[in-house]
C-alpha atoms as a PDB file:
ATOM      1  CA  MET A   1       0.263   0.041   0.011  1.00  0.00           C
ATOM      2  CA  GLN A   2       1.819   3.586  -0.736  1.00  0.00           C
ATOM      3  CA  TRP A   3       0.406   6.634   0.533  1.00  0.00           C
ATOM      4  CA  THR A   4       1.098  10.080  -0.993  1.00  0.00           C
ATOM      5  CA  LEU A   5       3.489  12.835   1.211  1.00  0.00           C
ATOM      6  CA  ASN A   6       0.123  14.469   2.491  1.00  0.00           C
ATOM      7  CA  GLU A   7      -1.436  11.287   3.840  1.00  0.00           C
ATOM      8  CA  LEU A   8       1.623   9.854   4.994  1.00  0.00           C
ATOM      9  CA  TYR A   9       2.214  13.386   6.758  1.00  0.00           C
ATOM     10  CA  HIS A  10      -1.669  12.930   8.239  1.00  0.00           C
ATOM     11  CA  GLN A  11      -1.178   9.408   9.575  1.00  0.00           C
ATOM     12  CA  VAL A  12       2.240  10.557  11.356  1.00  0.00           C
ATOM     13  CA  TYR A  13       0.590  13.238  12.967  1.00  0.00           C
ATOM     14  CA  TYR A  14      -2.218  11.945  14.618  1.00  0.00           C
ATOM     15  CA  MET A  15      -0.174   8.669  15.839  1.00  0.00           C
ATOM     16  CA  TYR A  16       2.123  11.272  17.112  1.00  0.00           C
ATOM     17  CA  MET A  17      -0.866  12.590  19.394  1.00  0.00           C
ATOM     18  CA  LYS A  18      -1.695  10.583  22.126  1.00  0.00           C
ATOM     19  CA  THR A  19      -5.248  10.298  21.138  1.00  0.00           C
ATOM     20  CA  LYS A  20      -7.840  11.966  18.699  1.00  0.00           C
ATOM     21  CA  PHE A  21     -11.329  11.125  19.367  1.00  0.00           C
ATOM     22  CA  GLU A  22     -13.709  12.595  16.419  1.00  0.00           C
ATOM     23  CA  HIS A  23     -18.025  12.574  16.332  1.00  0.00           C
ATOM     24  CA  LYS A  24     -19.746  13.845  13.066  1.00  0.00           C
ATOM     25  CA  ASP A  25     -18.491  17.571  13.087  1.00  0.00           C
ATOM     26  CA  LEU A  26     -16.552  17.549  16.555  1.00  0.00           C
ATOM     27  CA  VAL A  27     -13.246  16.661  17.302  1.00  0.00           C
ATOM     28  CA  TRP A  28     -11.539  16.241  20.441  1.00  0.00           C
ATOM     29  CA  PHE A  29      -7.410  15.538  20.802  1.00  0.00           C
ATOM     30  CA  ASP A  30      -6.410  14.244  24.817  1.00  0.00           C
ATOM     31  CA  VAL A  31      -2.621  15.214  24.895  1.00  0.00           C
ATOM     32  CA  GLU A  32      -0.721  13.405  28.190  1.00  0.00           C
ATOM     33  CA  THR A  33       2.217  15.641  28.819  1.00  0.00           C
ATOM     34  CA  PRO A  34       2.318  17.556  25.876  1.00  0.00           C
ATOM     35  CA  THR A  35       5.503  18.050  24.093  1.00  0.00           C
ATOM     36  CA  ARG A  36       6.317  21.565  22.446  1.00  0.00           C
ATOM     37  CA  GLU A  37       5.962  19.582  18.960  1.00  0.00           C
ATOM     38  CA  GLU A  38       2.887  18.206  19.840  1.00  0.00           C
ATOM     39  CA  VAL A  39       1.464  21.688  20.916  1.00  0.00           C
ATOM     40  CA  GLN A  40       2.479  23.543  18.154  1.00  0.00           C
ATOM     41  CA  GLU A  41       0.758  21.448  15.391  1.00  0.00           C
ATOM     42  CA  LEU A  42      -2.704  21.504  17.562  1.00  0.00           C
ATOM     43  CA  ALA A  43      -1.787  25.539  17.143  1.00  0.00           C
ATOM     44  CA  SER A  44      -1.211  25.796  13.660  1.00  0.00           C
ATOM     45  CA  ALA A  45      -4.211  23.325  12.625  1.00  0.00           C
ATOM     46  CA  TYR A  46      -6.749  25.239  15.180  1.00  0.00           C
ATOM     47  CA  ASN A  47      -5.399  28.972  15.616  1.00  0.00           C
ATOM     48  CA  ILE A  48      -5.084  28.464  19.010  1.00  0.00           C
ATOM     49  CA  ASP A  49      -3.520  31.789  20.242  1.00  0.00           C
ATOM     50  CA  ARG A  50       0.238  32.003  21.171  1.00  0.00           C
ATOM     51  CA  PHE A  51       0.346  32.733  24.585  1.00  0.00           C
ATOM     52  CA  VAL A  52      -2.042  29.633  24.893  1.00  0.00           C
ATOM     53  CA  SER A  53      -0.270  27.413  23.377  1.00  0.00           C
ATOM     54  CA  GLU A  54       3.149  28.279  25.732  1.00  0.00           C
ATOM     55  CA  GLU A  55       0.459  27.642  28.665  1.00  0.00           C
ATOM     56  CA  LEU A  56       0.077  24.533  27.853  1.00  0.00           C
ATOM     57  CA  MET A  57       3.250  23.350  27.728  1.00  0.00           C
ATOM     58  CA  VAL A  58       4.049  23.882  31.364  1.00  0.00           C
ATOM     59  CA  PRO A  59       1.658  23.055  34.694  1.00  0.00           C
ATOM     60  CA  SER A  60       0.045  26.104  35.640  1.00  0.00           C
ATOM     61  CA  THR A  61      -0.645  26.703  39.463  1.00  0.00           C
ATOM     62  CA  LYS A  62      -3.604  29.049  39.088  1.00  0.00           C
ATOM     63  CA  PRO A  63      -7.176  28.111  37.956  1.00  0.00           C
ATOM     64  CA  ARG A  64      -8.606  30.568  35.675  1.00  0.00           C
ATOM     65  CA  THR A  65     -10.824  31.082  32.555  1.00  0.00           C
ATOM     66  CA  GLU A  66      -9.530  33.313  29.606  1.00  0.00           C
ATOM     67  CA  LEU A  67     -11.062  34.114  26.243  1.00  0.00           C
ATOM     68  CA  HIS A  68      -9.244  33.938  23.263  1.00  0.00           C
ATOM     69  CA  GLY A  69     -11.089  35.163  19.889  1.00  0.00           C
ATOM     70  CA  ASP A  70     -13.381  31.985  19.460  1.00  0.00           C
ATOM     71  CA  HIS A  71     -12.086  29.860  21.774  1.00  0.00           C
ATOM     72  CA  LEU A  72     -11.638  29.897  25.501  1.00  0.00           C
ATOM     73  CA  TYR A  73      -8.693  28.598  28.147  1.00  0.00           C
ATOM     74  CA  LEU A  74      -9.468  27.162  31.052  1.00  0.00           C
ATOM     75  CA  VAL A  75      -7.206  25.717  33.636  1.00  0.00           C
ATOM     76  CA  LEU A  76      -8.794  23.291  36.479  1.00  0.00           C
ATOM     77  CA  HIS A  77      -7.003  21.321  38.781  1.00  0.00           C
ATOM     78  CA  PHE A  78      -8.660  18.077  40.318  1.00  0.00           C
ATOM     79  CA  PRO A  79      -8.441  15.951  43.484  1.00  0.00           C
ATOM     80  CA  ALA A  80      -6.871  12.661  43.245  1.00  0.00           C
ATOM     81  CA  LEU A  81      -7.444  10.515  46.640  1.00  0.00           C
ATOM     82  CA  ARG A  82      -7.844   6.662  46.060  1.00  0.00           C
ATOM     83  CA  HIS A  83      -5.706   6.066  42.892  1.00  0.00           C
ATOM     84  CA  SER A  84      -1.965   5.727  42.249  1.00  0.00           C
ATOM     85  CA  HIS A  85      -1.223   8.579  41.664  1.00  0.00           C
ATOM     86  CA  LYS A  86       2.216  10.774  42.164  1.00  0.00           C
ATOM     87  CA  GLU A  87       0.571  13.823  43.474  1.00  0.00           C
ATOM     88  CA  LYS A  88      -2.619  14.677  44.906  1.00  0.00           C
ATOM     89  CA  GLU A  89      -3.925  17.281  42.633  1.00  0.00           C
ATOM     90  CA  GLN A  90      -4.111  16.834  39.249  1.00  0.00           C
ATOM     91  CA  GLU A  91      -4.202  19.512  36.153  1.00  0.00           C
ATOM     92  CA  VAL A  92      -6.195  19.312  33.190  1.00  0.00           C
ATOM     93  CA  ASP A  93      -5.903  22.253  30.806  1.00  0.00           C
ATOM     94  CA  PHE A  94      -8.579  23.234  27.956  1.00  0.00           C
ATOM     95  CA  VAL A  95      -9.040  24.559  25.053  1.00  0.00           C
ATOM     96  CA  ILE A  96     -12.414  24.837  23.654  1.00  0.00           C
ATOM     97  CA  GLY A  97     -13.200  25.944  19.819  1.00  0.00           C
ATOM     98  CA  LYS A  98     -16.231  25.886  17.965  1.00  0.00           C
ATOM     99  CA  ASN A  99     -15.934  22.440  16.550  1.00  0.00           C
ATOM    100  CA  PHE A 100     -12.941  21.277  19.058  1.00  0.00           C
ATOM    101  CA  LEU A 101     -11.849  20.648  22.338  1.00  0.00           C
ATOM    102  CA  ILE A 102      -8.496  20.064  23.266  1.00  0.00           C
ATOM    103  CA  THR A 103      -7.382  18.765  26.636  1.00  0.00           C
ATOM    104  CA  THR A 104      -3.923  18.292  27.987  1.00  0.00           C
ATOM    105  CA  ARG A 105      -2.897  16.931  31.294  1.00  0.00           C
ATOM    106  CA  TYR A 106       0.731  15.291  33.137  1.00  0.00           C
ATOM    107  CA  ASP A 107      -1.402  12.099  34.535  1.00  0.00           C
ATOM    108  CA  THR A 108      -3.885   9.461  34.107  1.00  0.00           C
ATOM    109  CA  ILE A 109      -7.159  11.014  35.013  1.00  0.00           C
ATOM    110  CA  ASP A 110      -9.860   8.036  35.514  1.00  0.00           C
ATOM    111  CA  SER A 111     -12.604  10.140  35.207  1.00  0.00           C
ATOM    112  CA  LEU A 112     -11.627  11.246  31.651  1.00  0.00           C
ATOM    113  CA  HIS A 113     -10.340   7.522  30.281  1.00  0.00           C
ATOM    114  CA  LYS A 114     -14.459   6.729  31.332  1.00  0.00           C
ATOM    115  CA  PHE A 115     -15.989   9.778  29.182  1.00  0.00           C
ATOM    116  CA  SER A 116     -13.806   8.540  26.354  1.00  0.00           C
ATOM    117  CA  LYS A 117     -14.937   5.140  26.224  1.00  0.00           C
ATOM    118  CA  ILE A 118     -18.348   6.789  26.645  1.00  0.00           C
ATOM    119  CA  PHE A 119     -17.576   9.129  23.709  1.00  0.00           C
ATOM    120  CA  GLU A 120     -16.335   6.228  21.939  1.00  0.00           C
ATOM    121  CA  VAL A 121     -19.378   4.220  21.935  1.00  0.00           C
ATOM    122  CA  ASN A 122     -21.915   6.980  21.005  1.00  0.00           C
ATOM    123  CA  SER A 123     -19.769   8.246  18.454  1.00  0.00           C
ATOM    124  CA  ILE A 124     -19.948   4.688  17.003  1.00  0.00           C
ATOM    125  CA  LEU A 125     -23.256   3.735  17.300  1.00  0.00           C
ATOM    126  CA  ASP A 126     -24.679   7.237  17.410  1.00  0.00           C
ATOM    127  CA  LYS A 127     -27.064   7.137  20.367  1.00  0.00           C
ATOM    128  CA  GLN A 128     -26.781   9.929  21.995  1.00  0.00           C
ATOM    129  CA  PRO A 129     -26.377  13.923  19.926  1.00  0.00           C
ATOM    130  CA  VAL A 130     -23.193  15.844  21.530  1.00  0.00           C
ATOM    131  CA  GLY A 131     -24.384  19.185  20.615  1.00  0.00           C
ATOM    132  CA  ASP A 132     -23.607  21.611  17.834  1.00  0.00           C
ATOM    133  CA  HIS A 133     -20.739  23.029  18.795  1.00  0.00           C
ATOM    134  CA  ALA A 134     -17.404  21.659  21.081  1.00  0.00           C
ATOM    135  CA  GLY A 135     -18.918  23.428  24.404  1.00  0.00           C
ATOM    136  CA  PHE A 136     -21.406  20.548  24.627  1.00  0.00           C
ATOM    137  CA  LEU A 137     -18.354  18.307  24.473  1.00  0.00           C
ATOM    138  CA  PHE A 138     -16.744  20.006  27.505  1.00  0.00           C
ATOM    139  CA  PHE A 139     -19.799  19.981  29.631  1.00  0.00           C
ATOM    140  CA  TYR A 140     -20.582  16.510  29.239  1.00  0.00           C
ATOM    141  CA  MET A 141     -17.013  15.694  30.290  1.00  0.00           C
ATOM    142  CA  MET A 142     -17.246  18.431  33.198  1.00  0.00           C
ATOM    143  CA  LYS A 143     -20.335  16.663  34.388  1.00  0.00           C
ATOM    144  CA  GLU A 144     -19.010  13.309  34.394  1.00  0.00           C
ATOM    145  CA  ILE A 145     -15.822  14.032  36.082  1.00  0.00           C
ATOM    146  CA  TYR A 146     -17.746  15.733  38.949  1.00  0.00           C
ATOM    147  CA  LYS A 147     -20.181  12.731  39.185  1.00  0.00           C
ATOM    148  CA  ALA A 148     -16.194  10.691  39.690  1.00  0.00           C
ATOM    149  CA  MET A 149     -15.605  13.458  42.465  1.00  0.00           C
ATOM    150  CA  GLU A 150     -18.737  12.681  44.042  1.00  0.00           C
ATOM    151  CA  ASP A 151     -18.215   8.980  44.226  1.00  0.00           C
ATOM    152  CA  GLU A 152     -15.082   9.766  45.463  1.00  0.00           C
ATOM    153  CA  ILE A 153     -16.534  11.478  48.611  1.00  0.00           C
ATOM    154  CA  GLU A 154     -19.417   8.752  48.919  1.00  0.00           C
ATOM    155  CA  ALA A 155     -16.714   6.202  49.440  1.00  0.00           C
ATOM    156  CA  ILE A 156     -15.046   8.893  52.242  1.00  0.00           C
ATOM    157  CA  ARG A 157     -18.990   9.067  53.776  1.00  0.00           C
ATOM    158  CA  ILE A 158     -18.943   5.235  53.620  1.00  0.00           C
ATOM    159  CA  GLY A 159     -15.522   5.160  55.780  1.00  0.00           C
ATOM    160  CA  LEU A 160     -17.258   7.549  57.893  1.00  0.00           C
ATOM    161  CA  HIS A 161     -19.926   5.410  58.790  1.00  0.00           C
ATOM    162  CA  THR A 162     -17.643   2.746  59.737  1.00  0.00           C
ATOM    163  CA  ILE A 163     -15.605   5.084  61.849  1.00  0.00           C
ATOM    164  CA  GLU A 164     -18.321   4.841  63.750  1.00  0.00           C
ATOM    165  CA  GLU A 165     -19.154   1.571  64.198  1.00  0.00           C
ATOM    166  CA  LYS A 166     -15.767   1.539  65.502  1.00  0.00           C
ATOM    167  CA  ILE A 167     -15.992   4.083  68.134  1.00  0.00           C
ATOM    168  CA  PHE A 168     -18.841   2.977  70.291  1.00  0.00           C
ATOM    169  CA  ALA A 169     -17.268  -0.450  69.299  1.00  0.00           C
ATOM    170  CA  GLY A 170     -14.481   0.614  71.947  1.00  0.00           C
ATOM    171  CA  GLN A 171     -11.919   1.157  69.107  1.00  0.00           C
ATOM    172  CA  GLU A 172     -11.516   5.137  70.309  1.00  0.00           C
ATOM    173  CA  VAL A 173      -7.800   4.809  70.144  1.00  0.00           C
ATOM    174  CA  GLY A 174      -7.595   3.199  66.820  1.00  0.00           C
ATOM    175  CA  MET A 175     -10.113   5.578  64.938  1.00  0.00           C
ATOM    176  CA  VAL A 176      -7.627   8.701  65.807  1.00  0.00           C
ATOM    177  CA  GLU A 177      -5.539   7.908  62.955  1.00  0.00           C
ATOM    178  CA  GLU A 178      -8.723   6.948  60.573  1.00  0.00           C
ATOM    179  CA  ILE A 179     -10.230  10.011  61.313  1.00  0.00           C
ATOM    180  CA  SER A 180      -7.319  12.158  60.235  1.00  0.00           C
ATOM    181  CA  ARG A 181      -6.816  10.498  56.953  1.00  0.00           C
ATOM    182  CA  ALA A 182     -10.300  11.191  55.871  1.00  0.00           C
ATOM    183  CA  ALA A 183      -9.958  14.867  57.434  1.00  0.00           C
ATOM    184  CA  ARG A 184      -7.396  15.211  55.184  1.00  0.00           C
ATOM    185  CA  ASP A 185      -8.904  13.621  52.402  1.00  0.00           C
ATOM    186  CA  LEU A 186     -11.598  15.755  52.881  1.00  0.00           C
ATOM    187  CA  LEU A 187      -9.622  19.097  53.014  1.00  0.00           C
ATOM    188  CA  ASN A 188      -7.758  18.261  49.841  1.00  0.00           C
ATOM    189  CA  ILE A 189     -10.859  18.204  48.005  1.00  0.00           C
ATOM    190  CA  ARG A 190     -11.936  21.487  49.199  1.00  0.00           C
ATOM    191  CA  GLN A 191      -8.924  22.846  48.709  1.00  0.00           C
ATOM    192  CA  VAL A 192      -8.718  21.670  44.927  1.00  0.00           C
ATOM    193  CA  ILE A 193     -12.133  22.671  43.902  1.00  0.00           C
ATOM    194  CA  GLU A 194     -12.650  25.895  45.522  1.00  0.00           C
ATOM    195  CA  PRO A 195     -11.500  27.647  42.672  1.00  0.00           C
ATOM    196  CA  HIS A 196     -13.961  26.296  40.260  1.00  0.00           C
ATOM    197  CA  ARG A 197     -16.660  28.427  41.798  1.00  0.00           C
ATOM    198  CA  ASP A 198     -14.500  31.495  40.208  1.00  0.00           C
ATOM    199  CA  VAL A 199     -13.664  29.895  37.124  1.00  0.00           C
ATOM    200  CA  LEU A 200     -17.071  28.946  35.856  1.00  0.00           C
ATOM    201  CA  ARG A 201     -18.765  31.962  36.958  1.00  0.00           C
ATOM    202  CA  GLU A 202     -16.136  33.664  34.751  1.00  0.00           C
ATOM    203  CA  LEU A 203     -17.093  31.216  32.089  1.00  0.00           C
ATOM    204  CA  GLU A 204     -20.623  32.079  31.872  1.00  0.00           C
ATOM    205  CA  VAL A 205     -19.698  35.190  30.405  1.00  0.00           C
ATOM    206  CA  ALA A 206     -16.750  34.448  28.141  1.00  0.00           C
ATOM    207  CA  GLY A 207     -18.747  31.251  27.110  1.00  0.00           C
ATOM    208  CA  ALA A 208     -21.963  32.853  26.150  1.00  0.00           C
ATOM    209  CA  THR A 209     -19.429  35.019  24.227  1.00  0.00           C
ATOM    210  CA  VAL A 210     -18.150  32.063  21.883  1.00  0.00           C
ATOM    211  CA  PHE A 211     -21.046  30.119  21.904  1.00  0.00           C
ATOM    212  CA  GLY A 212     -24.194  32.443  22.236  1.00  0.00           C
ATOM    213  CA  GLU A 213     -26.943  32.868  24.947  1.00  0.00           C
ATOM    214  CA  SER A 214     -28.866  30.030  23.966  1.00  0.00           C
ATOM    215  CA  PHE A 215     -25.287  27.974  26.001  1.00  0.00           C
ATOM    216  CA  THR A 216     -25.683  29.846  29.351  1.00  0.00           C
ATOM    217  CA  PRO A 217     -28.011  27.553  30.875  1.00  0.00           C
ATOM    218  CA  TYR A 218     -25.922  24.813  30.583  1.00  0.00           C
ATOM    219  CA  LEU A 219     -22.686  26.574  32.359  1.00  0.00           C
ATOM    220  CA  LYS A 220     -24.879  27.231  34.922  1.00  0.00           C
ATOM    221  CA  SER A 221     -25.861  23.535  35.371  1.00  0.00           C
ATOM    222  CA  LEU A 222     -22.109  23.447  35.512  1.00  0.00           C
ATOM    223  CA  SER A 223     -21.968  25.924  38.576  1.00  0.00           C
ATOM    224  CA  ASN A 224     -25.066  23.703  39.514  1.00  0.00           C
ATOM    225  CA  GLU A 225     -23.147  20.423  39.443  1.00  0.00           C
ATOM    226  CA  TYR A 226     -20.098  22.311  41.030  1.00  0.00           C
ATOM    227  CA  TYR A 227     -21.515  23.775  44.112  1.00  0.00           C
ATOM    228  CA  ARG A 228     -23.400  19.912  44.792  1.00  0.00           C
ATOM    229  CA  VAL A 229     -19.767  18.442  45.173  1.00  0.00           C
ATOM    230  CA  HIS A 230     -18.973  21.000  47.474  1.00  0.00           C
ATOM    231  CA  ASN A 231     -22.069  20.845  49.376  1.00  0.00           C
ATOM    232  CA  HIS A 232     -21.483  17.151  49.787  1.00  0.00           C
ATOM    233  CA  VAL A 233     -17.709  17.944  51.207  1.00  0.00           C
ATOM    234  CA  MET A 234     -18.983  20.123  53.584  1.00  0.00           C
ATOM    235  CA  ARG A 235     -21.503  18.151  54.960  1.00  0.00           C
ATOM    236  CA  ASN A 236     -19.163  15.311  55.337  1.00  0.00           C
ATOM    237  CA  THR A 237     -16.905  17.722  56.984  1.00  0.00           C
ATOM    238  CA  GLU A 238     -19.404  18.682  59.884  1.00  0.00           C
ATOM    239  CA  SER A 239     -19.911  15.436  60.232  1.00  0.00           C
ATOM    240  CA  LEU A 240     -16.158  14.704  60.553  1.00  0.00           C
ATOM    241  CA  HIS A 241     -16.313  17.540  63.205  1.00  0.00           C
ATOM    242  CA  GLU A 242     -18.745  15.391  65.443  1.00  0.00           C
ATOM    243  CA  LEU A 243     -17.164  12.043  64.972  1.00  0.00           C
ATOM    244  CA  ARG A 244     -13.613  13.767  66.286  1.00  0.00           C
ATOM    245  CA  GLU A 245     -15.264  15.625  69.158  1.00  0.00           C
ATOM    246  CA  THR A 246     -17.321  11.977  70.203  1.00  0.00           C
ATOM    247  CA  ASN A 247     -14.455  10.333  69.838  1.00  0.00           C
ATOM    248  CA  ASN A 248     -12.058  12.834  71.957  1.00  0.00           C
ATOM    249  CA  SER A 249     -15.124  12.568  74.281  1.00  0.00           C
ATOM    250  CA  LEU A 250     -14.680   8.577  74.432  1.00  0.00           C
ATOM    251  CA  LEU A 251     -10.849   8.942  74.899  1.00  0.00           C
ATOM    252  CA  THR A 252     -11.073  11.841  77.299  1.00  0.00           C
ATOM    253  CA  THR A 253     -13.847   9.398  79.673  1.00  0.00           C
ATOM    254  CA  LYS A 254     -11.876   6.570  79.196  1.00  0.00           C
ATOM    255  CA  GLN A 255      -8.426   8.314  80.645  1.00  0.00           C
ATOM    256  CA  ASN A 256     -10.438   9.633  83.304  1.00  0.00           C
ATOM    257  CA  GLU A 257     -11.571   6.302  84.247  1.00  0.00           C
ATOM    258  CA  THR A 258      -8.249   4.908  84.578  1.00  0.00           C
ATOM    259  CA  MET A 259      -6.759   7.852  86.044  1.00  0.00           C
ATOM    260  CA  ARG A 260      -9.891   7.462  88.978  1.00  0.00           C
ATOM    261  CA  VAL A 261      -9.188   3.201  89.193  1.00  0.00           C
ATOM    262  CA  LEU A 262      -5.385   4.000  89.793  1.00  0.00           C
ATOM    263  CA  THR A 263      -5.784   6.348  92.254  1.00  0.00           C
ATOM    264  CA  ILE A 264      -8.315   4.240  94.450  1.00  0.00           C
ATOM    265  CA  MET A 265      -5.562   1.520  93.917  1.00  0.00           C
ATOM    266  CA  ALA A 266      -3.083   3.600  95.287  1.00  0.00           C
ATOM    267  CA  PHE A 267      -4.923   4.576  98.409  1.00  0.00           C
ATOM    268  CA  LEU A 268      -5.999   1.710  99.197  1.00  0.00           C
ATOM    269  CA  THR A 269      -2.373  -0.170  98.893  1.00  0.00           C
ATOM    270  CA  PHE A 270      -0.867   3.057 100.885  1.00  0.00           C
ATOM    271  CA  PRO A 271      -2.855   2.128 104.413  1.00  0.00           C
ATOM    272  CA  LEU A 272      -2.472  -1.430 104.031  1.00  0.00           C
ATOM    273  CA  ALA A 273       1.626  -1.031 103.550  1.00  0.00           C
ATOM    274  CA  LEU A 274       1.490   1.139 106.235  1.00  0.00           C
ATOM    275  CA  LEU A 275      -0.708  -1.574 108.240  1.00  0.00           C
ATOM    276  CA  VAL A 276       2.270  -4.124 107.514  1.00  0.00           C
ATOM    277  CA  ALA A 277       4.955  -2.083 108.177  1.00  0.00           C
ATOM    278  CA  ILE A 278       3.886  -0.996 111.508  1.00  0.00           C
ATOM    279  CA  PHE A 279       3.120  -4.609 112.388  1.00  0.00           C
ATOM    280  CA  ASN A 280       6.891  -5.588 110.790  1.00  0.00           C
ATOM    281  CA  LEU A 281       8.293  -2.828 113.311  1.00  0.00           C
ATOM    282  CA  HIS A 282      10.746  -5.232 116.175  1.00  0.00           C
ATOM    283  CA  PHE A 283       9.891  -4.285 119.808  1.00  0.00           C
ATOM    284  CA  THR A 284      10.313  -5.996 122.570  1.00  0.00           C
ATOM    285  CA  SER A 285       6.556  -4.983 123.501  1.00  0.00           C
ATOM    286  CA  ASN A 286       5.621  -6.240 119.743  1.00  0.00           C
ATOM    287  CA  PRO A 287       3.065  -9.186 120.848  1.00  0.00           C
ATOM    288  CA  ILE A 288       3.188 -10.087 117.156  1.00  0.00           C
ATOM    289  CA  ASP A 289       6.261 -11.492 117.825  1.00  0.00           C
ATOM    290  CA  THR A 290       5.526 -13.645 120.272  1.00  0.00           C
ATOM    291  CA  MET A 291       2.535 -15.063 118.928  1.00  0.00           C
ATOM    292  CA  GLN A 292       1.800 -18.257 118.018  1.00  0.00           C
ATOM    293  CA  ASN A 293      -0.028 -16.918 114.617  1.00  0.00           C
ATOM    294  CA  GLY A 294       1.487 -13.945 114.499  1.00  0.00           C
ATOM    295  CA  PHE A 295       1.773 -14.195 110.449  1.00  0.00           C
ATOM    296  CA  TRP A 296      -1.696 -15.407 109.631  1.00  0.00           C
ATOM    297  CA  PHE A 297      -3.134 -12.882 111.996  1.00  0.00           C
ATOM    298  CA  VAL A 298      -1.014  -9.725 109.832  1.00  0.00           C
ATOM    299  CA  VAL A 299      -2.687 -11.458 106.932  1.00  0.00           C
ATOM    300  CA  ALA A 300      -6.113 -11.558 108.389  1.00  0.00           C
ATOM    301  CA  THR A 301      -5.592  -8.170 109.500  1.00  0.00           C
ATOM    302  CA  VAL A 302      -5.031  -6.780 106.141  1.00  0.00           C
ATOM    303  CA  LEU A 303      -7.644  -8.643 104.034  1.00  0.00           C
ATOM    304  CA  GLY A 304     -10.015  -7.363 105.940  1.00  0.00           C
ATOM    305  CA  SER A 305      -8.687  -3.734 106.231  1.00  0.00           C
ATOM    306  CA  GLY A 306      -8.793  -4.406 102.223  1.00  0.00           C
ATOM    307  CA  SER A 307     -12.406  -5.726 101.967  1.00  0.00           C
ATOM    308  CA  ILE A 308     -13.526  -2.715 104.676  1.00  0.00           C
ATOM    309  CA  MET A 309     -12.594  -0.638 101.847  1.00  0.00           C
ATOM    310  CA  LEU A 310     -13.547  -1.682  98.850  1.00  0.00           C
ATOM    311  CA  TRP A 311     -17.046  -2.094 100.681  1.00  0.00           C
ATOM    312  CA  TYR A 312     -16.969   1.589 101.179  1.00  0.00           C
ATOM    313  CA  PHE A 313     -16.378   2.429  97.762  1.00  0.00           C
ATOM    314  CA  LYS A 314     -18.042   0.840  96.199  1.00  0.00           C
ATOM    315  CA  HIS A 315     -20.824   1.903  98.301  1.00  0.00           C
ATOM    316  CA  LYS A 316     -19.834   5.061  97.569  1.00  0.00           C
ATOM    317  CA  GLY A 317     -20.106   4.629  94.294  1.00  0.00           C
ATOM    318  CA  TRP A 318     -16.414   4.653  93.698  1.00  0.00           C
ATOM    319  CA  LEU A 319     -15.782   2.015  91.616  1.00  0.00           C
END
């Protein structure tokens, strides 16, 4: 089979790209750890702003939305908790045009991988219309990502329920580390997604400029997805605080009970030890020395005194 030079170029070009998905007139390029050559090819093919192409080649620390002519540039970070990722925070850069969407990232993102499979199936079977521009593709992609985040939070909620059961089963000490781990996960999610609020608010204005006012309700729906995830995090955080307070109270109560028992034992043994020490004094007038059963008399006296004190402590409710 022979290819023309132009066909060979396009074949090599699309093999060079990490992944390309198509549905009718829409195309999505998903690039992991983009190289300069990859970004330049995309920038040339889709007339991407030079500033945006430079940003795509390096990680960004600041989430944001920017309007560049006929396309949008977004930077968002997402939490990664329960998978073997190098970082706890994953960045995705989005370039959204009329009929194309480009995503660049620096790690495997499970929700994006899942969305790609759904997109492939829908493209092959033509089961579900995606929309007449790439803004809809971004919309469905973000809904899938937020759904995956809710699943992560739901797993934390189930973990909190397990912690609660173990706390009231008498495992307060072992739950200190579990509570701290859950608190770290919730705090990480909250810190990562907090900037989404401002990014999505700015996107509502910029998106209407590129895709028209008719697309604004979809962008508002994305904001609602964010607030649902955020509220889910806050509810679980409040539950975690209550569990921590309960666990600390039970630990304190158990420690106080232990100290009370130790104090009573010390108070109980001190007079008995003093009594034995008195009987052990060697004086000529000490009747114990000449008593035939003096040893057993001392034992009986100590046991009797101890029993009386124990009865008195229980009568007073100290034991």
